[in-house]
Protein backbone atom coordinates (compact mmCIF):
# COMPACT_ATOMS: atom_id res chain seq x y z
CA UNK A 1 5.38 -41.56 26.38
CA UNK A 2 4.28 -44.95 27.69
CA UNK A 3 1.24 -45.15 30.00
CA UNK A 4 0.59 -48.04 32.38
CA UNK A 5 -3.20 -48.42 32.74
CA UNK A 6 -4.56 -50.79 35.37
CA UNK A 7 -7.26 -51.13 37.94
CA UNK A 8 -9.15 -53.17 40.45
CA UNK A 9 -10.49 -56.56 39.41
CA UNK A 10 -13.91 -56.01 40.93
CA UNK A 11 -14.66 -52.85 38.92
CA UNK A 12 -17.50 -53.76 36.56
CA UNK A 13 -17.85 -50.56 34.48
CA UNK A 14 -15.50 -47.79 33.38
CA UNK A 15 -16.69 -44.41 34.54
CA UNK A 16 -17.20 -41.89 31.68
CA UNK A 17 -14.43 -39.74 33.22
CA UNK A 18 -12.00 -42.66 32.92
CA UNK A 19 -13.05 -43.34 29.33
CA UNK A 20 -12.46 -39.67 28.52
CA UNK A 21 -8.99 -39.80 30.11
CA UNK A 22 -8.13 -42.96 28.12
CA UNK A 23 -9.42 -41.31 24.93
CA UNK A 24 -7.07 -38.36 25.60
CA UNK A 25 -4.14 -40.78 26.01
CA UNK A 26 -5.04 -42.46 22.71
CA UNK A 27 -5.49 -39.09 20.96
CA UNK A 28 -1.96 -38.11 21.99
CA UNK A 29 -0.71 -41.34 20.39
CA UNK A 30 0.92 -42.53 23.62
CA UNK A 31 1.88 -46.15 23.93
CA UNK A 32 -0.28 -48.09 26.38
CA UNK A 33 0.71 -51.05 28.54
CA UNK A 34 -2.09 -52.99 30.20
CA UNK A 35 -2.38 -56.19 32.18
CA UNK A 36 -4.36 -59.30 31.33
CA UNK A 37 -6.55 -59.56 34.45
CA UNK A 38 -10.32 -59.47 34.56
CA UNK A 39 -12.14 -56.41 35.86
CA UNK A 40 -10.63 -53.03 35.04
CA UNK A 41 -7.82 -54.46 32.85
CA UNK A 42 -10.29 -56.20 30.56
CA UNK A 43 -12.67 -53.21 30.56
CA UNK A 44 -9.75 -50.99 29.51
CA UNK A 45 -8.84 -53.50 26.80
CA UNK A 46 -12.41 -53.45 25.45
CA UNK A 47 -12.46 -49.66 25.45
CA UNK A 48 -9.15 -49.55 23.56
CA UNK A 49 -10.33 -52.24 21.14
CA UNK A 50 -13.58 -50.38 20.40
CA UNK A 51 -11.48 -47.32 19.50
CA UNK A 52 -9.26 -49.33 17.16
CA UNK A 53 -6.17 -48.61 19.24
CA UNK A 54 -3.03 -50.32 17.98
CA UNK A 55 -0.35 -48.87 20.29
CA UNK A 56 -1.14 -51.31 23.07
CA UNK A 57 0.89 -54.11 24.63
CA UNK A 58 -0.64 -56.68 26.98
CA UNK A 59 1.59 -57.89 29.82
CA UNK A 60 1.12 -61.28 31.40
CA UNK A 61 2.92 -63.51 33.86
CA UNK A 62 3.53 -66.96 32.48
CA UNK A 63 2.86 -68.39 29.06
CA UNK A 64 -0.59 -67.19 28.05
CA UNK A 65 -2.53 -63.96 28.69
CA UNK A 66 -5.85 -64.45 30.45
CA UNK A 67 -7.36 -61.67 28.32
CA UNK A 68 -6.14 -60.02 25.11
CA UNK A 69 -9.25 -58.53 23.52
CA UNK A 70 -7.42 -56.75 20.68
CA UNK A 71 -4.91 -59.52 19.92
CA UNK A 72 -2.19 -56.97 20.64
CA UNK A 73 1.47 -57.85 21.10
CA UNK A 74 2.10 -59.66 24.38
CA UNK A 75 4.99 -59.11 26.77
CA UNK A 76 5.50 -62.35 28.66
CA UNK A 77 7.07 -61.80 32.07
CA UNK A 78 8.99 -64.73 33.47
CA UNK A 79 8.61 -65.49 37.15
CA UNK A 80 9.68 -68.30 39.43
CA UNK A 81 6.74 -67.74 41.77
CA UNK A 82 4.01 -70.37 42.06
CA UNK A 83 1.58 -70.15 39.16
CA UNK A 84 -1.59 -68.34 40.21
CA UNK A 85 -0.08 -66.80 43.37
CA UNK A 86 -0.14 -63.08 44.16
CA UNK A 87 3.63 -62.88 43.54
CA UNK A 88 3.19 -64.67 40.18
CA UNK A 89 0.78 -62.00 38.90
CA UNK A 90 2.62 -59.12 40.59
CA UNK A 91 5.68 -59.86 38.41
CA UNK A 92 3.93 -58.43 35.33
CA UNK A 93 2.80 -55.35 37.27
CA UNK A 94 6.34 -54.64 38.44
CA UNK A 95 7.57 -54.95 34.85
CA UNK A 96 4.89 -52.52 33.62
CA UNK A 97 5.91 -50.02 36.32
CA UNK A 98 9.51 -50.35 35.12
CA UNK A 99 8.75 -49.69 31.43
CA UNK A 100 6.06 -47.03 31.85
CA UNK A 101 6.60 -43.29 32.16
CA UNK A 102 3.35 -42.67 34.04
CA UNK A 103 0.36 -44.61 35.35
CA UNK A 104 -3.41 -44.31 35.16
CA UNK A 105 -5.01 -46.42 37.88
CA UNK A 106 -8.71 -47.13 38.40
CA UNK A 107 -9.08 -47.96 42.09
CA UNK A 108 -11.94 -49.28 44.21
CA UNK A 109 -10.24 -48.16 47.49
CA UNK A 110 -9.64 -51.81 48.49
CA UNK A 111 -7.58 -53.45 45.76
CA UNK A 112 -4.05 -54.03 46.98
CA UNK A 113 -2.85 -54.82 43.45
CA UNK A 114 -3.81 -51.38 42.15
CA UNK A 115 -2.42 -49.69 45.25
CA UNK A 116 0.80 -51.67 44.86
CA UNK A 117 1.09 -50.40 41.27
CA UNK A 118 0.88 -46.80 42.52
CA UNK A 119 3.64 -47.55 45.05
CA UNK A 120 5.82 -49.31 42.43
CA UNK A 121 5.58 -46.26 40.17
CA UNK A 122 6.30 -43.87 43.05
CA UNK A 123 9.33 -45.94 44.10
CA UNK A 124 10.67 -45.40 40.57
CA UNK A 125 10.08 -41.61 40.79
CA UNK A 126 7.14 -41.87 38.39
CA UNK A 127 3.74 -40.31 38.83
CA UNK A 128 0.34 -41.84 38.55
CA UNK A 129 -3.16 -40.50 38.22
CA UNK A 130 -5.58 -42.54 40.31
CA UNK A 131 -9.29 -42.51 39.65
CA UNK A 132 -10.96 -43.21 42.98
CA UNK A 133 -14.01 -45.05 41.67
CA UNK A 134 -16.17 -44.56 44.79
CA UNK A 135 -15.58 -40.81 44.97
CA UNK A 136 -15.46 -40.28 41.17
CA UNK A 137 -12.34 -38.12 41.45
CA UNK A 138 -8.82 -38.21 40.02
CA UNK A 139 -5.90 -37.90 42.42
CA UNK A 140 -2.36 -37.13 41.26
CA UNK A 141 0.23 -39.21 43.09
CA UNK A 142 3.81 -38.05 42.78
CA UNK A 143 4.84 -37.73 46.42
CA UNK A 144 4.59 -39.82 49.57
CA UNK A 145 2.28 -37.18 51.05
CA UNK A 146 -0.09 -37.56 48.09
CA UNK A 147 0.04 -41.35 48.52
CA UNK A 148 -0.85 -41.00 52.21
CA UNK A 149 -3.73 -38.69 51.27
CA UNK A 150 -4.96 -41.36 48.83
CA UNK A 151 -5.04 -43.86 51.70
CA UNK A 152 -7.64 -41.69 53.43
CA UNK A 153 -10.18 -43.16 50.99
CA UNK A 154 -9.60 -46.62 52.50
CA UNK A 155 -11.45 -48.04 55.47
CA UNK A 156 -9.34 -49.04 58.47
CA UNK A 157 -10.16 -52.66 57.66
CA UNK A 158 -8.94 -52.24 54.05
CA UNK A 159 -5.71 -50.63 55.29
CA UNK A 160 -5.15 -53.53 57.68
CA UNK A 161 -5.71 -56.07 54.87
CA UNK A 162 -3.38 -54.11 52.57
CA UNK A 163 -0.72 -54.13 55.26
CA UNK A 164 -1.08 -57.91 55.60
CA UNK A 165 -1.01 -58.53 51.84
CA UNK A 166 1.56 -56.02 50.55
CA UNK A 167 3.28 -54.69 53.71
CA UNK A 168 1.67 -51.31 53.01
CA UNK A 169 3.08 -49.38 55.96
CA UNK A 170 6.57 -50.89 55.62
CA UNK A 171 6.64 -49.88 51.97
CA UNK A 172 5.59 -46.32 52.78
CA UNK A 173 8.27 -46.14 55.48
CA UNK A 174 10.85 -47.47 52.98
CA UNK A 175 9.87 -44.71 50.54
CA UNK A 176 10.14 -42.09 53.28
CA UNK A 177 13.55 -43.42 54.31
CA UNK A 178 14.74 -43.36 50.69
CA UNK A 179 13.41 -39.80 50.28
CA UNK A 180 15.25 -38.73 53.46
CA UNK A 181 18.49 -40.30 52.17
CA UNK A 182 18.19 -38.34 48.92
CA UNK A 183 17.49 -35.14 50.87
CA UNK A 184 20.55 -35.68 53.11
CA UNK A 185 22.76 -36.46 50.09
CA UNK A 186 21.55 -33.36 48.26
CA UNK A 187 22.18 -31.19 51.34
CA UNK A 188 25.72 -32.56 51.66
CA UNK A 189 26.45 -31.82 48.01
CA UNK A 190 25.06 -28.29 48.22
CA UNK A 191 27.18 -27.60 51.34
CA UNK A 192 30.39 -28.59 49.53
């Protein structure tokens, strides 16, 4: 089992509930993939490092990770996007969503990067557990309906910004369309 752990850059402390969840992942000897960003990524790295975790791989876009606290193996993700751009850094997140079996996201209810990770996992039929930092609750996201429920934690302004940055509503509609196509296909096969 490979777990993609990520979170919002402006999170300054890991909640004890998140630390406990990470400790459970480590105790089960799951492999962990984590990004190299500041904020939650680096906090997760420090937590893993302090527990002597070795089954960790740091993913980065470009040639050098911004943070690799434990000097773990690095997965360099090539991208043709402009260095430092949103698309440049998103390349590593997409790769982590591809290689992971499940995600653990630590979300501030505004970060479009973390929200995008949840959507990338869902698009690949993979689940994520999202810790909503403001509400101090975990939400399981494995369906579009659960994703839409997660969005209820966002302000209207944050939703608007997310739509501008990551085409939030288009992506949800694409997932719904894809789900409908699968449903129609399955119905046709069961009628045969």
